[in-house]
Amino acid sequence: KTKTAKEVVTLLEYLDKGAVPKDKIIVNS
């Protein structure tokens, strides 16, 4: 909640590179 939108997007990019399945990810808010 205290991260910027850009930081959250960057996190998702890292997770994509780390092969974290998108169907496991839930985005809050």
PDB file of all heavy atoms in Angstrom:
ATOM      1  N   LYS A   1       0.794  -1.235   0.000  1.00  0.00           N
ATOM      2  CA  LYS A   1       0.000   0.000   0.000  1.00  0.00           C
ATOM      3  C   LYS A   1       0.824   1.281   0.000  1.00  0.00           C
ATOM      4  O   LYS A   1       0.336   2.332  -0.413  1.00  0.00           O
ATOM      5  CB  LYS A   1      -0.969  -0.015   1.179  1.00  0.00           C
ATOM      6  CG  LYS A   1      -1.987  -1.144   1.078  1.00  0.00           C
ATOM      7  CD  LYS A   1      -3.157  -0.947   1.994  1.00  0.00           C
ATOM      8  CE  LYS A   1      -4.244  -1.978   1.693  1.00  0.00           C
ATOM      9  NZ  LYS A   1      -5.450  -1.775   2.488  1.00  0.00           N
ATOM     10  N   THR A   2       2.065   1.219   0.470  1.00  0.00           N
ATOM     11  CA  THR A   2       2.885   2.436   0.491  1.00  0.00           C
ATOM     12  C   THR A   2       3.804   2.538  -0.733  1.00  0.00           C
ATOM     13  O   THR A   2       4.511   3.528  -0.893  1.00  0.00           O
ATOM     14  CB  THR A   2       3.748   2.517   1.771  1.00  0.00           C
ATOM     15  OG1 THR A   2       4.700   1.449   1.764  1.00  0.00           O
ATOM     16  CG2 THR A   2       2.889   2.436   3.015  1.00  0.00           C
ATOM     17  N   LYS A   3       3.772   1.518  -1.579  1.00  0.00           N
ATOM     18  CA  LYS A   3       4.601   1.547  -2.790  1.00  0.00           C
ATOM     19  C   LYS A   3       3.874   2.322  -3.894  1.00  0.00           C
ATOM     20  O   LYS A   3       2.639   2.336  -3.955  1.00  0.00           O
ATOM     21  CB  LYS A   3       4.892   0.125  -3.276  1.00  0.00           C
ATOM     22  CG  LYS A   3       5.627  -0.770  -2.285  1.00  0.00           C
ATOM     23  CD  LYS A   3       7.073  -0.376  -2.109  1.00  0.00           C
ATOM     24  CE  LYS A   3       7.889  -1.476  -1.420  1.00  0.00           C
ATOM     25  NZ  LYS A   3       7.439  -1.830  -0.070  1.00  0.00           N
ATOM     26  N   THR A   4       4.639   2.947  -4.769  1.00  0.00           N
ATOM     27  CA  THR A   4       4.049   3.632  -5.911  1.00  0.00           C
ATOM     28  C   THR A   4       3.565   2.601  -6.933  1.00  0.00           C
ATOM     29  O   THR A   4       3.976   1.426  -6.901  1.00  0.00           O
ATOM     30  CB  THR A   4       5.071   4.547  -6.592  1.00  0.00           C
ATOM     31  OG1 THR A   4       6.123   3.724  -7.144  1.00  0.00           O
ATOM     32  CG2 THR A   4       5.669   5.554  -5.609  1.00  0.00           C
ATOM     33  N   ALA A   5       2.706   3.059  -7.832  1.00  0.00           N
ATOM     34  CA  ALA A   5       2.226   2.179  -8.893  1.00  0.00           C
ATOM     35  C   ALA A   5       3.393   1.646  -9.710  1.00  0.00           C
ATOM     36  O   ALA A   5       3.426   0.469 -10.092  1.00  0.00           O
ATOM     37  CB  ALA A   5       1.244   2.929  -9.785  1.00  0.00           C
ATOM     38  N   LYS A   6       4.374   2.494  -9.968  1.00  0.00           N
ATOM     39  CA  LYS A   6       5.553   2.078 -10.738  1.00  0.00           C
ATOM     40  C   LYS A   6       6.306   0.965 -10.024  1.00  0.00           C
ATOM     41  O   LYS A   6       6.780   0.010 -10.653  1.00  0.00           O
ATOM     42  CB  LYS A   6       6.472   3.279 -10.967  1.00  0.00           C
ATOM     43  CG  LYS A   6       7.672   2.965 -11.861  1.00  0.00           C
ATOM     44  CD  LYS A   6       8.520   4.193 -12.117  1.00  0.00           C
ATOM     45  CE  LYS A   6       9.714   3.851 -13.018  1.00  0.00           C
ATOM     46  NZ  LYS A   6      10.576   5.029 -13.280  1.00  0.00           N
ATOM     47  N   GLU A   7       6.429   1.072  -8.701  1.00  0.00           N
ATOM     48  CA  GLU A   7       7.133   0.038  -7.932  1.00  0.00           C
ATOM     49  C   GLU A   7       6.377  -1.287  -7.985  1.00  0.00           C
ATOM     50  O   GLU A   7       6.993  -2.358  -8.105  1.00  0.00           O
ATOM     51  CB  GLU A   7       7.304   0.498  -6.485  1.00  0.00           C
ATOM     52  CG  GLU A   7       8.357   1.577  -6.306  1.00  0.00           C
ATOM     53  CD  GLU A   7       8.431   2.090  -4.880  1.00  0.00           C
ATOM     54  OE1 GLU A   7       7.366   2.420  -4.301  1.00  0.00           O
ATOM     55  OE2 GLU A   7       9.546   2.159  -4.334  1.00  0.00           O
ATOM     56  N   VAL A   8       5.056  -1.229  -7.901  1.00  0.00           N
ATOM     57  CA  VAL A   8       4.261  -2.465  -7.964  1.00  0.00           C
ATOM     58  C   VAL A   8       4.416  -3.113  -9.341  1.00  0.00           C
ATOM     59  O   VAL A   8       4.565  -4.336  -9.453  1.00  0.00           O
ATOM     60  CB  VAL A   8       2.778  -2.182  -7.643  1.00  0.00           C
ATOM     61  CG1 VAL A   8       1.942  -3.448  -7.842  1.00  0.00           C
ATOM     62  CG2 VAL A   8       2.620  -1.672  -6.213  1.00  0.00           C
ATOM     63  N   VAL A   9       4.392  -2.294 -10.388  1.00  0.00           N
ATOM     64  CA  VAL A   9       4.586  -2.817 -11.747  1.00  0.00           C
ATOM     65  C   VAL A   9       5.972  -3.438 -11.882  1.00  0.00           C
ATOM     66  O   VAL A   9       6.131  -4.517 -12.472  1.00  0.00           O
ATOM     67  CB  VAL A   9       4.372  -1.710 -12.800  1.00  0.00           C
ATOM     68  CG1 VAL A   9       4.815  -2.192 -14.185  1.00  0.00           C
ATOM     69  CG2 VAL A   9       2.906  -1.287 -12.830  1.00  0.00           C
ATOM     70  N   THR A  10       6.978  -2.780 -11.315  1.00  0.00           N
ATOM     71  CA  THR A  10       8.344  -3.321 -11.354  1.00  0.00           C
ATOM     72  C   THR A  10       8.404  -4.671 -10.650  1.00  0.00           C
ATOM     73  O   THR A  10       9.053  -5.613 -11.137  1.00  0.00           O
ATOM     74  CB  THR A  10       9.332  -2.340 -10.699  1.00  0.00           C
ATOM     75  OG1 THR A  10       9.318  -1.106 -11.415  1.00  0.00           O
ATOM     76  CG2 THR A  10      10.753  -2.894 -10.710  1.00  0.00           C
ATOM     77  N   LEU A  11       7.731  -4.782  -9.516  1.00  0.00           N
ATOM     78  CA  LEU A  11       7.667  -6.052  -8.794  1.00  0.00           C
ATOM     79  C   LEU A  11       7.062  -7.134  -9.681  1.00  0.00           C
ATOM     80  O   LEU A  11       7.594  -8.253  -9.766  1.00  0.00           O
ATOM     81  CB  LEU A  11       6.847  -5.889  -7.511  1.00  0.00           C
ATOM     82  CG  LEU A  11       6.548  -7.172  -6.730  1.00  0.00           C
ATOM     83  CD1 LEU A  11       7.833  -7.852  -6.272  1.00  0.00           C
ATOM     84  CD2 LEU A  11       5.647  -6.865  -5.523  1.00  0.00           C
ATOM     85  N   LEU A  12       5.969  -6.824 -10.339  1.00  0.00           N
ATOM     86  CA  LEU A  12       5.323  -7.797 -11.222  1.00  0.00           C
ATOM     87  C   LEU A  12       6.240  -8.203 -12.375  1.00  0.00           C
ATOM     88  O   LEU A  12       6.237  -9.363 -12.803  1.00  0.00           O
ATOM     89  CB  LEU A  12       4.006  -7.235 -11.757  1.00  0.00           C
ATOM     90  CG  LEU A  12       2.897  -7.047 -10.718  1.00  0.00           C
ATOM     91  CD1 LEU A  12       1.685  -6.360 -11.345  1.00  0.00           C
ATOM     92  CD2 LEU A  12       2.480  -8.376 -10.097  1.00  0.00           C
ATOM     93  N   GLU A  13       7.039  -7.271 -12.854  1.00  0.00           N
ATOM     94  CA  GLU A  13       8.000  -7.588 -13.915  1.00  0.00           C
ATOM     95  C   GLU A  13       9.061  -8.568 -13.415  1.00  0.00           C
ATOM     96  O   GLU A  13       9.436  -9.513 -14.118  1.00  0.00           O
ATOM     97  CB  GLU A  13       8.652  -6.306 -14.435  1.00  0.00           C
ATOM     98  CG  GLU A  13       7.694  -5.434 -15.242  1.00  0.00           C
ATOM     99  CD  GLU A  13       8.264  -4.062 -15.576  1.00  0.00           C
ATOM    100  OE1 GLU A  13       9.344  -3.713 -15.035  1.00  0.00           O
ATOM    101  OE2 GLU A  13       7.635  -3.339 -16.372  1.00  0.00           O
ATOM    102  N   TYR A  14       9.542  -8.333 -12.191  1.00  0.00           N
ATOM    103  CA  TYR A  14      10.502  -9.265 -11.591  1.00  0.00           C
ATOM    104  C   TYR A  14       9.890 -10.662 -11.458  1.00  0.00           C
ATOM    105  O   TYR A  14      10.548 -11.678 -11.727  1.00  0.00           O
ATOM    106  CB  TYR A  14      10.934  -8.780 -10.211  1.00  0.00           C
ATOM    107  CG  TYR A  14      11.958  -7.659 -10.192  1.00  0.00           C
ATOM    108  CD1 TYR A  14      11.832  -6.609  -9.273  1.00  0.00           C
ATOM    109  CD2 TYR A  14      13.057  -7.648 -11.053  1.00  0.00           C
ATOM    110  CE1 TYR A  14      12.776  -5.576  -9.232  1.00  0.00           C
ATOM    111  CE2 TYR A  14      13.989  -6.625 -11.017  1.00  0.00           C
ATOM    112  CZ  TYR A  14      13.847  -5.598 -10.107  1.00  0.00           C
ATOM    113  OH  TYR A  14      14.770  -4.583 -10.068  1.00  0.00           O
ATOM    114  N   LEU A  15       8.632 -10.706 -11.025  1.00  0.00           N
ATOM    115  CA  LEU A  15       7.971 -11.992 -10.824  1.00  0.00           C
ATOM    116  C   LEU A  15       7.763 -12.713 -12.152  1.00  0.00           C
ATOM    117  O   LEU A  15       7.873 -13.937 -12.225  1.00  0.00           O
ATOM    118  CB  LEU A  15       6.625 -11.797 -10.107  1.00  0.00           C
ATOM    119  CG  LEU A  15       6.700 -11.162  -8.716  1.00  0.00           C
ATOM    120  CD1 LEU A  15       5.321 -11.142  -8.069  1.00  0.00           C
ATOM    121  CD2 LEU A  15       7.695 -11.888  -7.818  1.00  0.00           C
ATOM    122  N   ASP A  16       7.478 -11.940 -13.193  1.00  0.00           N
ATOM    123  CA  ASP A  16       7.312 -12.528 -14.519  1.00  0.00           C
ATOM    124  C   ASP A  16       8.631 -13.150 -14.977  1.00  0.00           C
ATOM    125  O   ASP A  16       8.664 -14.271 -15.495  1.00  0.00           O
ATOM    126  CB  ASP A  16       6.847 -11.452 -15.505  1.00  0.00           C
ATOM    127  CG  ASP A  16       6.401 -12.047 -16.827  1.00  0.00           C
ATOM    128  OD1 ASP A  16       5.649 -13.032 -16.813  1.00  0.00           O
ATOM    129  OD2 ASP A  16       6.815 -11.524 -17.873  1.00  0.00           O
ATOM    130  N   LYS A  17       9.724 -12.440 -14.767  1.00  0.00           N
ATOM    131  CA  LYS A  17      11.049 -12.961 -15.128  1.00  0.00           C
ATOM    132  C   LYS A  17      11.402 -14.191 -14.290  1.00  0.00           C
ATOM    133  O   LYS A  17      12.122 -15.076 -14.741  1.00  0.00           O
ATOM    134  CB  LYS A  17      12.110 -11.885 -14.936  1.00  0.00           C
ATOM    135  CG  LYS A  17      12.048 -10.773 -15.967  1.00  0.00           C
ATOM    136  CD  LYS A  17      13.046  -9.673 -15.649  1.00  0.00           C
ATOM    137  CE  LYS A  17      12.912  -8.504 -16.630  1.00  0.00           C
ATOM    138  NZ  LYS A  17      13.768  -7.356 -16.246  1.00  0.00           N
ATOM    139  N   GLY A  18      10.889 -14.218 -13.058  1.00  0.00           N
ATOM    140  CA  GLY A  18      11.148 -15.357 -12.180  1.00  0.00           C
ATOM    141  C   GLY A  18      10.181 -16.507 -12.378  1.00  0.00           C
ATOM    142  O   GLY A  18      10.169 -17.458 -11.594  1.00  0.00           O
ATOM    143  N   ALA A  19       9.361 -16.409 -13.442  1.00  0.00           N
ATOM    144  CA  ALA A  19       8.427 -17.479 -13.833  1.00  0.00           C
ATOM    145  C   ALA A  19       7.367 -17.775 -12.771  1.00  0.00           C
ATOM    146  O   ALA A  19       6.922 -18.912 -12.629  1.00  0.00           O
ATOM    147  CB  ALA A  19       9.192 -18.749 -14.194  1.00  0.00           C
ATOM    148  N   VAL A  20       6.955 -16.744 -12.033  1.00  0.00           N
ATOM    149  CA  VAL A  20       5.843 -16.919 -11.091  1.00  0.00           C
ATOM    150  C   VAL A  20       4.546 -16.924 -11.897  1.00  0.00           C
ATOM    151  O   VAL A  20       4.272 -15.961 -12.627  1.00  0.00           O
ATOM    152  CB  VAL A  20       5.809 -15.789 -10.045  1.00  0.00           C
ATOM    153  CG1 VAL A  20       4.623 -15.963  -9.105  1.00  0.00           C
ATOM    154  CG2 VAL A  20       7.110 -15.741  -9.261  1.00  0.00           C
ATOM    155  N   PRO A  21       3.751 -17.990 -11.811  1.00  0.00           N
ATOM    156  CA  PRO A  21       2.526 -18.065 -12.616  1.00  0.00           C
ATOM    157  C   PRO A  21       1.565 -16.915 -12.292  1.00  0.00           C
ATOM    158  O   PRO A  21       1.316 -16.621 -11.128  1.00  0.00           O
ATOM    159  CB  PRO A  21       1.915 -19.410 -12.206  1.00  0.00           C
ATOM    160  CG  PRO A  21       3.055 -20.196 -11.648  1.00  0.00           C
ATOM    161  CD  PRO A  21       3.948 -19.198 -10.994  1.00  0.00           C
ATOM    162  N   LYS A  22       1.035 -16.297 -13.334  1.00  0.00           N
ATOM    163  CA  LYS A  22       0.132 -15.164 -13.112  1.00  0.00           C
ATOM    164  C   LYS A  22      -1.157 -15.578 -12.415  1.00  0.00           C
ATOM    165  O   LYS A  22      -1.785 -14.768 -11.735  1.00  0.00           O
ATOM    166  CB  LYS A  22      -0.175 -14.465 -14.444  1.00  0.00           C
ATOM    167  CG  LYS A  22       1.010 -13.665 -14.965  1.00  0.00           C
ATOM    168  CD  LYS A  22       0.646 -12.793 -16.145  1.00  0.00           C
ATOM    169  CE  LYS A  22       1.842 -11.945 -16.551  1.00  0.00           C
ATOM    170  NZ  LYS A  22       1.537 -11.042 -17.677  1.00  0.00           N
ATOM    171  N   ASP A  23      -1.548 -16.845 -12.581  1.00  0.00           N
ATOM    172  CA  ASP A  23      -2.786 -17.261 -11.929  1.00  0.00           C
ATOM    173  C   ASP A  23      -2.622 -17.468 -10.426  1.00  0.00           C
ATOM    174  O   ASP A  23      -3.603 -17.705  -9.718  1.00  0.00           O
ATOM    175  CB  ASP A  23      -3.369 -18.516 -12.581  1.00  0.00           C
ATOM    176  CG  ASP A  23      -2.431 -19.718 -12.526  1.00  0.00           C
ATOM    177  OD1 ASP A  23      -1.333 -19.612 -11.937  1.00  0.00           O
ATOM    178  OD2 ASP A  23      -2.796 -20.774 -13.074  1.00  0.00           O
ATOM    179  N   LYS A  24      -1.376 -17.344  -9.934  1.00  0.00           N
ATOM    180  CA  LYS A  24      -1.147 -17.390  -8.490  1.00  0.00           C
ATOM    181  C   LYS A  24      -1.132 -15.993  -7.871  1.00  0.00           C
ATOM    182  O   LYS A  24      -1.198 -15.846  -6.654  1.00  0.00           O
ATOM    183  CB  LYS A  24       0.191 -18.077  -8.170  1.00  0.00           C
ATOM    184  CG  LYS A  24       0.157 -19.586  -8.264  1.00  0.00           C
ATOM    185  CD  LYS A  24       1.395 -20.185  -7.612  1.00  0.00           C
ATOM    186  CE  LYS A  24       1.276 -21.715  -7.589  1.00  0.00           C
ATOM    187  NZ  LYS A  24       2.338 -22.325  -6.775  1.00  0.00           N
ATOM    188  N   ILE A  25      -1.004 -14.974  -8.706  1.00  0.00           N
ATOM    189  CA  ILE A  25      -0.830 -13.611  -8.211  1.00  0.00           C
ATOM    190  C   ILE A  25      -2.172 -12.901  -8.039  1.00  0.00           C
ATOM    191  O   ILE A  25      -3.038 -12.960  -8.915  1.00  0.00           O
ATOM    192  CB  ILE A  25       0.071 -12.795  -9.161  1.00  0.00           C
ATOM    193  CG1 ILE A  25       1.462 -13.436  -9.257  1.00  0.00           C
ATOM    194  CG2 ILE A  25       0.181 -11.342  -8.692  1.00  0.00           C
ATOM    195  CD1 ILE A  25       2.365 -12.792 -10.300  1.00  0.00           C
ATOM    196  N   ILE A  26      -2.313 -12.245  -6.895  1.00  0.00           N
ATOM    197  CA  ILE A  26      -3.481 -11.411  -6.600  1.00  0.00           C
ATOM    198  C   ILE A  26      -2.976  -9.999  -6.351  1.00  0.00           C
ATOM    199  O   ILE A  26      -2.057  -9.800  -5.555  1.00  0.00           O
ATOM    200  CB  ILE A  26      -4.222 -11.916  -5.336  1.00  0.00           C
ATOM    201  CG1 ILE A  26      -4.701 -13.359  -5.528  1.00  0.00           C
ATOM    202  CG2 ILE A  26      -5.389 -10.993  -4.984  1.00  0.00           C
ATOM    203  CD1 ILE A  26      -5.206 -14.012  -4.246  1.00  0.00           C
ATOM    204  N   VAL A  27      -3.548  -9.032  -7.036  1.00  0.00           N
ATOM    205  CA  VAL A  27      -3.152  -7.638  -6.833  1.00  0.00           C
ATOM    206  C   VAL A  27      -4.169  -6.964  -5.927  1.00  0.00           C
ATOM    207  O   VAL A  27      -5.374  -7.002  -6.187  1.00  0.00           O
ATOM    208  CB  VAL A  27      -3.041  -6.879  -8.176  1.00  0.00           C
ATOM    209  CG1 VAL A  27      -2.839  -5.384  -7.932  1.00  0.00           C
ATOM    210  CG2 VAL A  27      -1.883  -7.429  -8.995  1.00  0.00           C
ATOM    211  N   ASN A  28      -3.683  -6.365  -4.856  1.00  0.00           N
ATOM    212  CA  ASN A  28      -4.556  -5.685  -3.890  1.00  0.00           C
ATOM    213  C   ASN A  28      -4.826  -4.259  -4.362  1.00  0.00           C
ATOM    214  O   ASN A  28      -3.891  -3.466  -4.551  1.00  0.00           O
ATOM    215  CB  ASN A  28      -3.888  -5.685  -2.506  1.00  0.00           C
ATOM    216  CG  ASN A  28      -4.801  -5.148  -1.425  1.00  0.00           C
ATOM    217  OD1 ASN A  28      -5.247  -4.006  -1.467  1.00  0.00           O
ATOM    218  ND2 ASN A  28      -5.075  -5.970  -0.421  1.00  0.00           N
ATOM    219  N   SER A  29      -6.102  -3.931  -4.559  1.00  0.00           N
ATOM    220  CA  SER A  29      -6.608  -2.572  -4.821  1.00  0.00           C
ATOM    221  C   SER A  29      -6.307  -1.996  -6.204  1.00  0.00           C
ATOM    222  O   SER A  29      -7.134  -1.287  -6.767  1.00  0.00           O
ATOM    223  CB  SER A  29      -6.094  -1.590  -3.762  1.00  0.00           C
ATOM    224  OG  SER A  29      -6.540  -1.965  -2.478  1.00  0.00           O
TER     225      SER A  29
END
